[in-house]
């Protein structure tokens, strides 16, 4: 695109960006595209998924430790402990 008319036809606006005293036929101005957010979106999804996975693993580990402690108490102290999960609302 060597001519201002072809720049205008392509959607460029050289008249606003050409310095004073410069011949418009010798300048080619190319506008940049907008920002790409794909990487940021994928990073956010990965962080959210990783956080959810960590929470699930911690909940499973807590459940396992609680069950192990409930099974060990009768052997150690002679008392019985029952872990009961209840459902609320049906």
N, C-alpha and C. Protein backbone atom coordinates (compact mmCIF):
# COMPACT_ATOMS: atom_id res chain seq x y z
N UNK A 1 0.85 -1.18 0.00
CA UNK A 1 0.00 0.00 0.00
C UNK A 1 0.89 1.23 0.00
N UNK A 2 1.09 1.76 -1.17
CA UNK A 2 1.94 2.94 -1.29
C UNK A 2 1.14 4.23 -1.37
N UNK A 3 -0.14 4.14 -1.65
CA UNK A 3 -0.94 5.35 -1.84
C UNK A 3 -1.92 5.52 -0.68
N UNK A 4 -2.19 6.77 -0.29
CA UNK A 4 -3.13 7.01 0.80
C UNK A 4 -4.52 6.45 0.51
N UNK A 5 -4.94 6.44 -0.75
CA UNK A 5 -6.28 5.92 -1.05
C UNK A 5 -6.39 4.43 -0.74
N UNK A 6 -5.33 3.67 -1.00
CA UNK A 6 -5.36 2.24 -0.68
C UNK A 6 -5.30 2.02 0.84
N UNK A 7 -4.61 2.92 1.55
CA UNK A 7 -4.59 2.82 3.01
C UNK A 7 -5.99 3.08 3.58
N UNK A 8 -6.68 4.09 3.04
CA UNK A 8 -8.03 4.38 3.51
C UNK A 8 -8.98 3.24 3.14
N UNK A 9 -8.81 2.65 1.97
CA UNK A 9 -9.65 1.53 1.56
C UNK A 9 -9.43 0.32 2.47
N UNK A 10 -8.22 0.17 3.00
CA UNK A 10 -7.92 -0.95 3.88
C UNK A 10 -8.35 -0.68 5.32
N UNK A 11 -8.86 0.51 5.60
CA UNK A 11 -9.33 0.81 6.95
C UNK A 11 -8.31 1.55 7.80
N UNK A 12 -7.18 1.94 7.23
CA UNK A 12 -6.18 2.69 7.99
C UNK A 12 -6.54 4.17 8.00
N UNK A 13 -6.11 4.86 9.01
CA UNK A 13 -6.38 6.29 9.12
C UNK A 13 -5.05 7.05 9.18
N UNK A 14 -4.38 7.21 8.08
CA UNK A 14 -3.05 7.83 8.13
C UNK A 14 -3.09 9.33 8.37
N UNK A 15 -4.17 10.02 8.06
CA UNK A 15 -4.19 11.47 8.19
C UNK A 15 -4.01 11.91 9.64
N UNK A 16 -4.47 11.11 10.59
CA UNK A 16 -4.35 11.48 12.00
C UNK A 16 -2.95 11.22 12.54
N UNK A 17 -2.22 10.33 11.90
CA UNK A 17 -0.96 9.87 12.46
C UNK A 17 0.28 10.35 11.70
N UNK A 18 0.12 11.00 10.59
CA UNK A 18 1.26 11.47 9.80
C UNK A 18 1.78 12.78 10.38
N UNK A 19 3.09 12.84 10.67
CA UNK A 19 3.66 14.09 11.21
C UNK A 19 3.59 15.23 10.19
N UNK A 20 3.52 16.47 10.65
CA UNK A 20 3.48 17.60 9.71
C UNK A 20 4.75 17.66 8.86
N UNK A 21 4.60 18.02 7.59
CA UNK A 21 5.73 18.14 6.69
C UNK A 21 6.11 16.84 5.99
N UNK A 22 5.42 15.77 6.24
CA UNK A 22 5.71 14.48 5.61
C UNK A 22 4.71 14.26 4.48
N UNK A 23 5.21 13.76 3.35
CA UNK A 23 4.34 13.50 2.21
C UNK A 23 3.53 12.22 2.49
N UNK A 24 2.19 12.29 2.39
CA UNK A 24 1.37 11.12 2.73
C UNK A 24 1.62 9.91 1.84
N UNK A 25 2.12 10.12 0.65
CA UNK A 25 2.37 8.99 -0.24
C UNK A 25 3.58 8.17 0.15
N UNK A 26 4.41 8.67 1.04
CA UNK A 26 5.62 7.96 1.44
C UNK A 26 5.47 7.24 2.79
N UNK A 27 4.30 7.31 3.37
CA UNK A 27 4.10 6.76 4.70
C UNK A 27 3.09 5.62 4.64
N UNK A 28 3.41 4.52 5.29
CA UNK A 28 2.46 3.42 5.45
C UNK A 28 2.25 3.23 6.94
N UNK A 29 1.01 3.32 7.37
CA UNK A 29 0.68 3.20 8.79
C UNK A 29 -0.17 1.94 8.96
N UNK A 30 0.26 1.08 9.85
CA UNK A 30 -0.47 -0.15 10.12
C UNK A 30 -0.91 -0.13 11.57
N UNK A 31 -2.18 -0.35 11.79
CA UNK A 31 -2.70 -0.36 13.16
C UNK A 31 -2.59 -1.76 13.74
N UNK A 32 -2.32 -1.84 15.01
CA UNK A 32 -2.19 -3.14 15.67
C UNK A 32 -3.57 -3.70 16.01
N UNK A 33 -3.62 -4.99 16.20
CA UNK A 33 -4.87 -5.64 16.57
C UNK A 33 -5.10 -5.48 18.07
N UNK A 34 -6.29 -5.82 18.49
CA UNK A 34 -6.63 -5.73 19.91
C UNK A 34 -5.93 -6.82 20.71
N UNK A 35 -5.97 -6.73 22.02
CA UNK A 35 -5.30 -7.72 22.87
C UNK A 35 -5.99 -9.08 22.79
N UNK A 36 -5.22 -10.14 22.99
CA UNK A 36 -5.73 -11.50 22.99
C UNK A 36 -5.82 -11.99 24.43
N UNK A 37 -7.01 -12.38 24.85
CA UNK A 37 -7.24 -12.78 26.23
C UNK A 37 -7.28 -14.29 26.42
N UNK A 38 -7.00 -15.06 25.37
CA UNK A 38 -7.10 -16.53 25.46
C UNK A 38 -6.16 -17.08 26.53
N UNK A 39 -4.94 -16.61 26.60
CA UNK A 39 -3.99 -17.10 27.59
C UNK A 39 -4.43 -16.81 29.01
N UNK A 40 -4.95 -15.62 29.23
CA UNK A 40 -5.41 -15.24 30.57
C UNK A 40 -6.62 -16.07 30.99
N UNK A 41 -7.51 -16.33 30.04
CA UNK A 41 -8.70 -17.12 30.35
C UNK A 41 -8.30 -18.55 30.68
N UNK A 42 -7.41 -19.13 29.89
CA UNK A 42 -6.96 -20.50 30.17
C UNK A 42 -6.22 -20.58 31.50
N UNK A 43 -5.43 -19.59 31.83
CA UNK A 43 -4.74 -19.57 33.12
C UNK A 43 -5.73 -19.52 34.28
N UNK A 44 -6.77 -18.71 34.14
CA UNK A 44 -7.79 -18.61 35.18
C UNK A 44 -8.52 -19.93 35.36
N UNK A 45 -8.85 -20.60 34.25
CA UNK A 45 -9.51 -21.91 34.32
C UNK A 45 -8.60 -22.93 34.98
N UNK A 46 -7.31 -22.91 34.63
CA UNK A 46 -6.36 -23.85 35.23
C UNK A 46 -6.22 -23.62 36.73
N UNK A 47 -6.17 -22.38 37.15
CA UNK A 47 -6.05 -22.07 38.58
C UNK A 47 -7.31 -22.51 39.32
N UNK A 48 -8.48 -22.24 38.74
CA UNK A 48 -9.73 -22.64 39.39
C UNK A 48 -9.83 -24.16 39.49
N UNK A 49 -9.45 -24.85 38.43
CA UNK A 49 -9.48 -26.32 38.47
C UNK A 49 -8.49 -26.89 39.46
N UNK A 50 -7.31 -26.31 39.53
CA UNK A 50 -6.31 -26.77 40.50
C UNK A 50 -6.75 -26.53 41.92
N UNK A 51 -7.37 -25.39 42.16
CA UNK A 51 -7.88 -25.10 43.51
C UNK A 51 -8.97 -26.09 43.91
N UNK A 52 -9.88 -26.37 42.97
CA UNK A 52 -10.95 -27.35 43.26
C UNK A 52 -10.36 -28.73 43.54
N UNK A 53 -9.35 -29.11 42.79
CA UNK A 53 -8.71 -30.42 42.99
C UNK A 53 -8.05 -30.49 44.36
N UNK A 54 -7.37 -29.43 44.76
CA UNK A 54 -6.72 -29.40 46.08
C UNK A 54 -7.76 -29.51 47.19
N UNK A 55 -8.89 -28.83 47.04
CA UNK A 55 -9.95 -28.90 48.06
C UNK A 55 -10.51 -30.31 48.16
N UNK A 56 -10.72 -30.97 47.01
CA UNK A 56 -11.24 -32.34 47.03
C UNK A 56 -10.24 -33.29 47.69
N UNK A 57 -8.97 -33.14 47.39
CA UNK A 57 -7.94 -34.00 47.99
C UNK A 57 -7.87 -33.77 49.50
N UNK A 58 -7.93 -32.52 49.94
CA UNK A 58 -7.91 -32.24 51.37
C UNK A 58 -9.14 -32.80 52.08
N UNK A 59 -10.30 -32.72 51.44
CA UNK A 59 -11.52 -33.27 52.05
C UNK A 59 -11.41 -34.79 52.17
N UNK A 60 -10.88 -35.44 51.14
CA UNK A 60 -10.71 -36.89 51.20
C UNK A 60 -9.70 -37.28 52.28
N UNK A 61 -8.61 -36.54 52.38
CA UNK A 61 -7.60 -36.83 53.41
C UNK A 61 -8.19 -36.62 54.81
N UNK A 62 -8.98 -35.58 55.00
CA UNK A 62 -9.61 -35.34 56.29
C UNK A 62 -10.58 -36.47 56.64
N UNK A 63 -11.35 -36.92 55.65
CA UNK A 63 -12.28 -38.02 55.87
C UNK A 63 -11.54 -39.30 56.26
N UNK A 64 -10.43 -39.57 55.58
CA UNK A 64 -9.64 -40.76 55.88
C UNK A 64 -9.03 -40.68 57.28
N UNK A 65 -8.50 -39.51 57.63
CA UNK A 65 -7.92 -39.35 58.97
C UNK A 65 -8.98 -39.48 60.06
N UNK A 66 -10.17 -38.95 59.81
CA UNK A 66 -11.25 -39.06 60.79
C UNK A 66 -11.67 -40.51 60.98
N UNK A 67 -11.79 -41.25 59.89
CA UNK A 67 -12.17 -42.67 59.98
C UNK A 67 -11.09 -43.48 60.69
N UNK A 68 -9.83 -43.17 60.40
CA UNK A 68 -8.73 -43.88 61.06
C UNK A 68 -8.70 -43.57 62.55
N UNK A 69 -8.94 -42.32 62.91
CA UNK A 69 -8.96 -41.95 64.33
C UNK A 69 -10.12 -42.62 65.04
N UNK A 70 -11.29 -42.71 64.39
CA UNK A 70 -12.45 -43.35 65.01
C UNK A 70 -12.21 -44.84 65.18
N UNK A 71 -11.47 -45.44 64.27
CA UNK A 71 -11.18 -46.87 64.40
C UNK A 71 -10.10 -47.13 65.45
N UNK A 72 -9.22 -46.16 65.68
CA UNK A 72 -8.13 -46.36 66.63
C UNK A 72 -8.52 -46.10 68.07
N UNK A 73 -9.54 -45.27 68.29
CA UNK A 73 -9.91 -44.91 69.66
C UNK A 73 -10.33 -46.12 70.49
N UNK A 74 -11.15 -47.06 70.00
CA UNK A 74 -11.51 -48.21 70.84
C UNK A 74 -10.31 -49.08 71.20
N UNK A 75 -9.34 -49.15 70.30
CA UNK A 75 -8.17 -49.98 70.59
C UNK A 75 -7.28 -49.32 71.63
N UNK A 76 -7.25 -48.02 71.67
CA UNK A 76 -6.36 -47.31 72.59
C UNK A 76 -7.01 -47.09 73.95
N UNK A 77 -8.21 -46.52 73.95
CA UNK A 77 -8.82 -46.14 75.22
C UNK A 77 -9.96 -47.02 75.68
N UNK A 78 -10.42 -47.90 74.85
CA UNK A 78 -11.52 -48.77 75.23
C UNK A 78 -12.89 -48.15 75.07
N UNK A 79 -12.98 -46.92 74.56
CA UNK A 79 -14.27 -46.27 74.35
C UNK A 79 -14.64 -46.36 72.88
N UNK A 80 -15.91 -46.29 72.60
CA UNK A 80 -16.37 -46.36 71.21
C UNK A 80 -16.72 -44.97 70.69
N UNK A 81 -16.35 -44.70 69.45
CA UNK A 81 -16.67 -43.43 68.79
C UNK A 81 -17.32 -43.77 67.45
N UNK A 82 -18.44 -43.14 67.17
CA UNK A 82 -19.12 -43.37 65.91
C UNK A 82 -19.15 -42.07 65.12
N UNK A 83 -18.72 -42.14 63.88
CA UNK A 83 -18.78 -40.98 62.99
C UNK A 83 -20.00 -41.18 62.10
N UNK A 84 -20.96 -40.27 62.20
CA UNK A 84 -22.20 -40.42 61.47
C UNK A 84 -22.43 -39.19 60.61
N UNK A 85 -22.63 -39.41 59.31
CA UNK A 85 -22.93 -38.32 58.40
C UNK A 85 -24.43 -38.31 58.17
N UNK A 86 -25.06 -37.17 58.37
CA UNK A 86 -26.50 -37.07 58.20
C UNK A 86 -26.83 -36.24 56.99
N UNK A 87 -27.96 -36.56 56.38
CA UNK A 87 -28.45 -35.77 55.25
C UNK A 87 -29.54 -34.83 55.75
N UNK A 88 -29.46 -33.60 55.32
CA UNK A 88 -30.47 -32.64 55.74
C UNK A 88 -31.37 -32.33 54.54
N UNK A 89 -32.65 -32.41 54.78
CA UNK A 89 -33.63 -32.05 53.76
C UNK A 89 -33.73 -33.06 52.63
N UNK A 90 -34.93 -33.38 52.26
CA UNK A 90 -35.14 -34.28 51.13
C UNK A 90 -36.18 -33.72 50.23
